Every structure is written in C-alpha cells, then in structure tokens.
C-alpha cells in the first residue's frame, strides 16, 4: 500500500477512536454545560475554583454586632489567612470551591445563608460597670438639714485645737452657733481641756489625721490607716469617755477611695466643704469675708481654721461673718452624717 494511503487510514482510525471516547464520557458524566466541556458541578481548576474572597462563614451574620459598640471581629486572623478574613469559623463554613451548607446555588451564584440562631460570640467581653461607692464613703458637701430647711450653713474649723480655739468658741457661744472642729490628733492630745469644752458646748468633732500629710493619697495604705485611726483615738482620749468623732476630713481635701474606705470602716463619714474662705493663707479680714460671702449657698459648708499658725485674722473675720449670716436668715447646722 502506498505510504500516503497508509497515513490517511491511520488518521481516520484515530479520529474514530476520539469520537468514541467522547461519546463514552458524555454518557457517563451527563451533558456538558455551555459547550465548555466541563461537567456541571465540577470545580474549575485554578483560582476561579475558590469561593469568592472574603465570603463570610456560614451562619455568621455580619450585622450581628451592630449597636454593641464593639467593632472587634468574631475572631482574629489565622496565620496564613488573608488579612481581614475571619478565623475560627464555625462548623459548616464554606471551603474553597464548595457551596456553603444551607445555601442555594442559583445560576452559578451562591445565595447568602440564613443567619444562624447562635452567632459566634465576640472575643472581647464588655468591661464591668464600676462598683458604686460603699455605704458611708461618699463625701459630704451639705448640711444635715439642707433638704428640709432652705438657708442652713455648717461652720467647720480645721487644724486645732490651738491658741485661738477658745476665742472662736466664745464667738460661737455669743451667737448660739454650733460648729464642727476637725482636729489634728497630737493637737487634741496637747489641749484636752479645749476638746472637752468643744464637746460640752454642744459642738461636734472631726478627724483631721495625725500629721496633716499632703498629699495624703501618696502614702501607703498602712500609713493612711494610721493617720486616720490613731488621730481618732487621740481625739477620743482627749475628750474623755463618751466622746464621739463623726467625720473625717483629708488634709487639703485630698480624698481617695482608700482613705475614704478606711474612714468609713472606723465609723467616720468623709466631709468636704463648699466655701473656702482661704483664711489659712491670711489674705486679710476683708478678703476672708469676701470669699465666704461670694461662695456661700444654702446648705453649704464653710471652711475656716482655728489652728495651724496665726489665726487672728480668722477670729476677726468670724466676728463679722456670724452677724452677717444671722442677718441673711441663715440657721446653723452640722454636716450630713
């Protein structure tokens, strides 16, 4: 047979074999889609076989954390995963090239899965609300009767007792005024007769520490405890049996959660002030009076001093402040306890 004729026969035989193989595949796999030769449902090779990049795991509702204020994703990225893609996906999440469980295939597109009844919890728990002040540790800034009587005022005197305390007691007695004395422990020990007179005249006592430390909050807890509890013991010892100490005032108003709790545990209520006459700075009698008058409001607490140095200006200012308060219709009370 000629060579040309032999090659022709071989080509026809090969073509027939290919046709037979194609027919056999079609019978086994079903009809081809779009004439592409790829069986329907068979993932195409290469990158196009994967599910769309960034598709959320099945059952995770991207809006499930809306309104919580926590933008933290459900889980952090897994090593090797694309940036921003969630890790720790729940069971049933889509794998590359597959349809997510529960999703319907519509013309080559995947319909979103319905939200899961139990979305994955956030990884960051909400911070607990701060605990409120323990009973008796909040700072008092008003008189005891401020809610029932309009124009009341509480006079308080710090850093005594000392050389000027007797003069202040005389003025208070003259106007039938009761006040609160915030005493330094060693000063009380050194002047027990004055402490006893304060109690006998119907005034009240307040703990103002042992050493008047400033700033107090920087001391260790043990030292703050000593400053408060030892001062109270000294004041009670100076006043004699039955002496009551009702409040604690931190030097300079340097209250902290720690020293307020220590005071409360020792039966003392922290007391602040609303009117600082600044008599401690000795700015002059007129300025002390001006400070008191400008800052005073009904129910307020006035801060003055009967110890800690030369308090002659304080005595002179008080001699004018007391009649002015009476003329303004103020009545006198103790701080709330």
Protein backbone atom coordinates (compact mmCIF):
# COMPACT_ATOMS: atom_id res chain seq x y z
CA UNK A 1 0.00 0.00 0.00
CA UNK A 2 1.41 3.47 -0.79
CA UNK A 3 2.71 5.48 2.19
CA UNK A 4 0.20 8.35 1.65
CA UNK A 5 -2.74 5.92 1.74
CA UNK A 6 -1.44 4.28 4.96
CA UNK A 7 -1.22 7.65 6.82
CA UNK A 8 -4.74 8.53 5.76
CA UNK A 9 -6.10 5.31 7.23
CA UNK A 10 -4.28 5.93 10.50
CA UNK A 11 -5.68 9.47 10.84
CA UNK A 12 -9.23 8.26 10.24
CA UNK A 13 -8.81 5.46 12.81
CA UNK A 14 -7.51 7.92 15.41
CA UNK A 15 -10.41 10.31 14.75
CA UNK A 16 -12.87 7.47 15.19
CA UNK A 17 -11.28 6.50 18.49
CA UNK A 18 -11.54 10.10 19.88
CA UNK A 19 -15.20 10.28 18.85
CA UNK A 20 -15.94 7.00 20.58
CA UNK A 21 -14.15 8.20 23.78
CA UNK A 22 -16.08 11.48 23.79
CA UNK A 23 -19.38 9.65 23.40
CA UNK A 24 -18.50 7.33 26.28
CA UNK A 25 -17.63 10.28 28.59
CA UNK A 26 -20.85 12.06 27.70
CA UNK A 27 -22.88 9.02 28.61
CA UNK A 28 -21.07 8.60 31.93
CA UNK A 29 -20.98 12.28 33.09
CA UNK A 30 -24.10 13.78 31.63
CA UNK A 31 -24.43 16.72 29.26
CA UNK A 32 -21.78 19.39 29.18
CA UNK A 33 -22.56 22.92 30.31
CA UNK A 34 -22.37 25.73 27.78
CA UNK A 35 -20.29 23.64 25.43
CA UNK A 36 -17.22 24.22 27.54
CA UNK A 37 -16.52 20.52 28.00
CA UNK A 38 -16.64 20.91 31.85
CA UNK A 39 -19.15 18.74 33.65
CA UNK A 40 -21.76 20.66 35.62
CA UNK A 41 -20.84 20.91 39.31
CA UNK A 42 -17.20 20.11 38.67
CA UNK A 43 -14.94 22.85 40.10
CA UNK A 44 -12.78 24.51 37.53
CA UNK A 45 -9.07 24.24 38.10
CA UNK A 46 -7.08 27.25 39.28
CA UNK A 47 -8.00 30.29 41.40
CA UNK A 48 -11.53 30.54 39.94
CA UNK A 49 -12.50 27.33 41.75
CA UNK A 50 -12.47 29.03 45.18
CA UNK A 51 -15.46 30.73 46.77
CA UNK A 52 -15.46 34.50 46.40
CA UNK A 53 -12.73 36.07 48.54
CA UNK A 54 -13.99 37.49 51.81
CA UNK A 55 -17.21 35.42 51.85
CA UNK A 56 -18.38 35.13 55.46
CA UNK A 57 -18.59 31.77 57.14
CA UNK A 58 -21.97 30.08 57.01
CA UNK A 59 -24.23 31.09 59.86
CA UNK A 60 -22.35 34.35 60.73
CA UNK A 61 -24.44 37.48 60.36
CA UNK A 62 -22.11 40.44 59.69
CA UNK A 63 -24.63 42.77 61.32
CA UNK A 64 -25.00 40.68 64.48
CA UNK A 65 -22.75 43.02 66.50
CA UNK A 66 -24.39 46.22 65.32
CA UNK A 67 -25.23 48.53 68.14
CA UNK A 68 -22.96 46.84 70.67
CA UNK A 69 -20.20 49.37 70.26
CA UNK A 70 -17.68 46.57 69.90
CA UNK A 71 -16.11 46.55 66.43
CA UNK A 72 -13.96 43.57 67.34
CA UNK A 73 -14.36 40.79 64.76
CA UNK A 74 -15.67 37.44 65.84
CA UNK A 75 -12.15 36.03 65.85
CA UNK A 76 -8.72 37.29 64.96
CA UNK A 77 -6.97 36.38 61.71
CA UNK A 78 -5.38 32.97 61.48
CA UNK A 79 -1.75 32.72 60.48
CA UNK A 80 -1.59 32.37 56.75
CA UNK A 81 -5.13 33.60 56.11
CA UNK A 82 -5.72 36.75 54.08
CA UNK A 83 -5.74 39.99 56.03
CA UNK A 84 -9.15 40.68 57.49
CA UNK A 85 -10.58 37.25 56.87
CA UNK A 86 -12.11 35.68 59.96
CA UNK A 87 -10.63 32.63 61.56
CA UNK A 88 -12.14 30.10 63.88
CA UNK A 89 -15.10 29.72 61.51
CA UNK A 90 -17.92 27.59 62.92
CA UNK A 91 -18.60 24.12 61.58
CA UNK A 92 -20.23 24.19 58.16
CA UNK A 93 -18.34 27.18 56.81
CA UNK A 94 -17.54 27.29 53.13
CA UNK A 95 -14.39 25.68 51.86
CA UNK A 96 -12.73 26.75 48.64
CA UNK A 97 -14.83 25.87 45.63
CA UNK A 98 -17.77 24.45 47.58
CA UNK A 99 -21.24 25.73 48.28
CA UNK A 100 -21.81 26.78 51.93
CA UNK A 101 -24.06 24.49 53.88
CA UNK A 102 -27.64 25.66 53.69
CA UNK A 103 -27.03 27.96 50.70
CA UNK A 104 -28.77 27.52 47.35
CA UNK A 105 -26.91 27.52 44.06
CA UNK A 106 -28.62 29.89 41.59
CA UNK A 107 -27.12 30.01 38.17
CA UNK A 108 -23.55 29.76 39.36
CA UNK A 109 -24.10 32.33 42.22
CA UNK A 110 -24.38 31.34 45.86
CA UNK A 111 -27.35 32.75 47.75
CA UNK A 112 -26.44 34.00 51.25
CA UNK A 113 -27.13 31.57 54.05
CA UNK A 114 -29.81 32.45 56.55
CA UNK A 115 -28.49 33.81 59.86
CA UNK A 116 -27.60 31.22 62.44
CA UNK A 117 -29.63 31.06 65.64
CA UNK A 118 -26.38 31.11 67.64
CA UNK A 119 -23.86 33.50 66.07
CA UNK A 120 -20.30 33.18 67.23
CA UNK A 121 -19.72 35.26 70.39
CA UNK A 122 -17.39 38.26 70.43
CA UNK A 123 -13.91 37.51 71.69
CA UNK A 124 -13.76 40.68 73.86
CA UNK A 125 -16.11 40.76 76.85
CA UNK A 126 -17.69 44.05 77.85
CA UNK A 127 -15.96 45.78 80.78
CA UNK A 128 -17.90 45.51 84.04
CA UNK A 129 -19.57 48.64 85.36
CA UNK A 130 -17.58 50.27 88.17
CA UNK A 131 -18.91 49.46 91.60
CA UNK A 132 -20.67 52.33 93.36
CA UNK A 133 -19.23 53.88 96.49
CA UNK A 134 -19.56 51.69 99.52
CA UNK A 135 -22.07 52.94 102.09
CA UNK A 136 -20.72 55.88 104.07
CA UNK A 137 -17.72 56.61 101.82
CA UNK A 138 -19.18 59.37 99.69
CA UNK A 139 -18.00 62.87 100.60
CA UNK A 140 -20.47 65.14 102.36
CA UNK A 141 -20.89 68.60 100.83
CA UNK A 142 -24.08 69.76 102.50
CA UNK A 143 -25.69 70.30 105.87
CA UNK A 144 -27.76 67.64 107.54
CA UNK A 145 -30.99 69.64 107.13
CA UNK A 146 -30.30 71.08 103.69
CA UNK A 147 -33.16 69.11 102.13
CA UNK A 148 -35.71 70.21 104.72
CA UNK A 149 -34.54 73.70 105.68
CA UNK A 150 -33.51 76.14 102.98
CA UNK A 151 -30.95 78.55 104.39
CA UNK A 152 -28.71 76.41 106.55
CA UNK A 153 -24.94 76.56 106.86
CA UNK A 154 -22.29 74.47 108.61
CA UNK A 155 -19.20 76.12 110.06
CA UNK A 156 -16.09 73.93 110.25
CA UNK A 157 -12.69 74.72 111.77
CA UNK A 158 -9.51 72.80 110.93
CA UNK A 159 -6.06 72.13 112.40
CA UNK A 160 -6.80 72.78 116.07
CA UNK A 161 -7.29 72.89 118.83
CA UNK A 162 -4.82 75.68 119.47
CA UNK A 163 -4.30 79.12 120.96
CA UNK A 164 -7.21 80.66 119.02
CA UNK A 165 -9.77 77.93 119.62
CA UNK A 166 -11.01 79.48 122.89
CA UNK A 167 -11.73 82.82 121.18
CA UNK A 168 -13.65 81.07 118.41
CA UNK A 169 -15.68 79.13 120.99
CA UNK A 170 -16.53 82.41 122.74
CA UNK A 171 -17.84 83.92 119.47
CA UNK A 172 -19.88 80.82 118.66
CA UNK A 173 -21.42 80.89 122.13
CA UNK A 174 -22.28 84.57 121.76
CA UNK A 175 -24.38 83.86 118.66
CA UNK A 176 -25.66 80.47 119.86
CA UNK A 177 -23.98 78.75 116.93
CA UNK A 178 -22.86 75.13 116.81
CA UNK A 179 -19.87 74.16 114.66
CA UNK A 180 -17.66 71.22 113.75
CA UNK A 181 -13.97 71.05 114.71
CA UNK A 182 -11.67 68.92 112.53
CA UNK A 183 -8.77 68.25 114.88
CA UNK A 184 -5.19 67.09 114.48
CA UNK A 185 -4.54 64.12 116.79
CA UNK A 186 -1.47 65.48 118.65
CA UNK A 187 -3.13 68.90 118.98
CA UNK A 188 -6.07 67.26 120.71
CA UNK A 189 -3.70 65.35 123.00
CA UNK A 190 -1.90 68.58 123.87
CA UNK A 191 -5.13 70.51 124.57
CA UNK A 192 -7.58 68.11 126.23
CA UNK A 193 -9.35 70.93 128.11
CA UNK A 194 -10.29 72.55 124.79
CA UNK A 195 -11.55 69.25 123.38
CA UNK A 196 -13.69 68.77 126.46
CA UNK A 197 -15.08 72.30 126.15
CA UNK A 198 -15.94 71.73 122.47
CA UNK A 199 -17.93 68.66 123.44
CA UNK A 200 -19.54 70.31 126.48
CA UNK A 201 -20.67 73.31 124.41
CA UNK A 202 -22.54 71.02 122.00
CA UNK A 203 -20.15 71.21 119.06
CA UNK A 204 -19.04 68.17 117.04
CA UNK A 205 -15.65 66.60 116.36
CA UNK A 206 -13.96 65.54 113.14
CA UNK A 207 -10.77 63.56 112.48
CA UNK A 208 -8.11 65.55 110.59
CA UNK A 209 -5.25 62.99 110.80
CA UNK A 210 -2.13 62.80 112.95
CA UNK A 211 0.46 64.65 110.86
CA UNK A 212 -1.66 66.53 108.30
CA UNK A 213 0.15 64.78 105.40
CA UNK A 214 -0.13 66.34 101.94
CA UNK A 215 -0.77 64.77 99.52
CA UNK A 216 -2.26 62.05 101.65
CA UNK A 217 -3.17 59.67 98.83
CA UNK A 218 0.53 59.02 98.09
CA UNK A 219 1.06 57.35 101.46
CA UNK A 220 0.98 53.58 101.78
CA UNK A 221 -2.27 52.02 102.89
CA UNK A 222 -0.81 51.25 106.33
CA UNK A 223 0.29 54.85 106.83
CA UNK A 224 -3.07 56.25 105.74
CA UNK A 225 -4.76 53.85 108.12
CA UNK A 226 -2.55 55.02 110.97
CA UNK A 227 -3.15 58.70 110.17
CA UNK A 228 -6.90 58.24 110.46
CA UNK A 229 -7.35 55.66 113.21
CA UNK A 230 -4.64 56.98 115.54
CA UNK A 231 -5.93 60.56 115.25
CA UNK A 232 -9.41 59.42 116.18
CA UNK A 233 -8.06 57.56 119.20
CA UNK A 234 -6.17 60.68 120.34
CA UNK A 235 -9.24 62.90 119.98
CA UNK A 236 -11.45 60.46 121.87
CA UNK A 237 -8.86 60.12 124.65
CA UNK A 238 -8.60 63.91 124.97
CA UNK A 239 -12.38 64.36 125.08
CA UNK A 240 -12.93 61.67 127.65
CA UNK A 241 -15.41 58.80 127.91
CA UNK A 242 -18.32 59.00 125.50
CA UNK A 243 -16.58 61.38 123.08
CA UNK A 244 -17.92 60.95 119.56
CA UNK A 245 -15.96 61.65 116.38
CA UNK A 246 -18.32 61.66 113.42
CA UNK A 247 -16.39 62.77 110.32
CA UNK A 248 -13.03 62.58 108.59
CA UNK A 249 -11.54 65.41 106.54
CA UNK A 250 -8.48 64.69 104.43
CA UNK A 251 -5.82 67.41 104.62
CA UNK A 252 -6.22 69.74 101.67
CA UNK A 253 -9.32 67.81 100.65
CA UNK A 254 -7.09 65.04 99.27
CA UNK A 255 -9.70 62.32 99.47
CA UNK A 256 -9.07 58.99 97.79
CA UNK A 257 -11.03 55.78 97.58
CA UNK A 258 -8.59 54.22 100.02
CA UNK A 259 -8.72 56.86 102.74
CA UNK A 260 -12.50 57.19 102.42
CA UNK A 261 -12.89 53.46 102.93
CA UNK A 262 -10.55 53.50 105.92
CA UNK A 263 -12.57 56.31 107.46
CA UNK A 264 -15.88 54.58 106.84
CA UNK A 265 -14.60 51.37 108.41
CA UNK A 266 -13.72 53.41 111.50
CA UNK A 267 -17.20 54.92 111.66
CA UNK A 268 -16.27 58.26 110.09
CA UNK A 269 -18.03 59.99 107.19
CA UNK A 270 -15.77 61.93 104.77
CA UNK A 271 -16.67 65.63 104.84
CA UNK A 272 -15.61 68.28 102.36
CA UNK A 273 -16.54 71.93 102.04
CA UNK A 274 -18.23 74.24 99.56
CA UNK A 275 -16.83 77.56 100.80
CA UNK A 276 -13.07 78.03 101.17
CA UNK A 277 -12.52 81.32 102.98
CA UNK A 278 -8.76 80.88 102.43
CA UNK A 279 -8.17 82.15 105.93
CA UNK A 280 -5.28 79.70 106.11
CA UNK A 281 -3.38 81.98 103.72
CA UNK A 282 -4.02 85.05 105.92
CA UNK A 283 -5.14 87.28 102.99
CA UNK A 284 -6.70 89.87 105.31
CA UNK A 285 -10.02 90.03 107.13
CA UNK A 286 -11.87 91.75 104.30
CA UNK A 287 -10.78 89.12 101.77
CA UNK A 288 -11.75 86.28 104.09
CA UNK A 289 -15.22 87.77 104.41
CA UNK A 290 -15.49 88.39 100.67
CA UNK A 291 -14.58 84.79 99.94
CA UNK A 292 -17.21 83.49 102.34
CA UNK A 293 -19.99 85.73 101.06
CA UNK A 294 -19.30 85.12 97.38
CA UNK A 295 -19.19 81.33 97.60
CA UNK A 296 -21.91 80.63 100.13
CA UNK A 297 -25.15 78.97 99.07
CA UNK A 298 -27.90 77.48 101.24
CA UNK A 299 -26.87 74.12 102.66
CA UNK A 300 -23.17 74.90 102.25
CA UNK A 301 -20.17 74.04 104.42
CA UNK A 302 -17.71 76.82 105.29
CA UNK A 303 -14.03 76.01 105.84
CA UNK A 304 -12.09 78.07 108.39
CA UNK A 305 -9.20 77.35 110.76
CA UNK A 306 -8.64 77.53 114.50
CA UNK A 307 -5.12 76.06 114.41
CA UNK A 308 -2.04 75.69 112.24
CA UNK A 309 -0.47 79.07 112.92
CA UNK A 310 -1.55 82.67 113.48
CA UNK A 311 -5.35 82.64 113.24
CA UNK A 312 -6.03 86.18 114.46
CA UNK A 313 -7.46 87.07 111.04
CA UNK A 314 -9.79 84.09 111.24
CA UNK A 315 -11.09 85.23 114.62
CA UNK A 316 -11.62 88.79 113.40
CA UNK A 317 -13.36 87.62 110.23
CA UNK A 318 -15.62 85.26 112.17
CA UNK A 319 -16.70 88.12 114.46
CA UNK A 320 -18.13 89.84 111.37
CA UNK A 321 -19.28 86.77 109.47
CA UNK A 322 -21.54 85.45 112.23
CA UNK A 323 -23.81 88.54 112.49
CA UNK A 324 -23.94 88.76 108.67
CA UNK A 325 -25.12 85.16 108.41
CA UNK A 326 -27.80 85.80 111.02
CA UNK A 327 -28.94 88.91 109.13
CA UNK A 328 -29.18 86.88 105.92
CA UNK A 329 -31.55 84.49 107.64
CA UNK A 330 -29.16 81.55 107.91
CA UNK A 331 -29.53 78.91 110.60
CA UNK A 332 -26.64 76.75 111.69
CA UNK A 333 -26.32 73.00 111.39
CA UNK A 334 -23.78 70.20 111.21
CA UNK A 335 -22.67 68.44 108.02
CA UNK A 336 -24.74 65.47 106.93
CA UNK A 337 -23.59 62.26 108.56
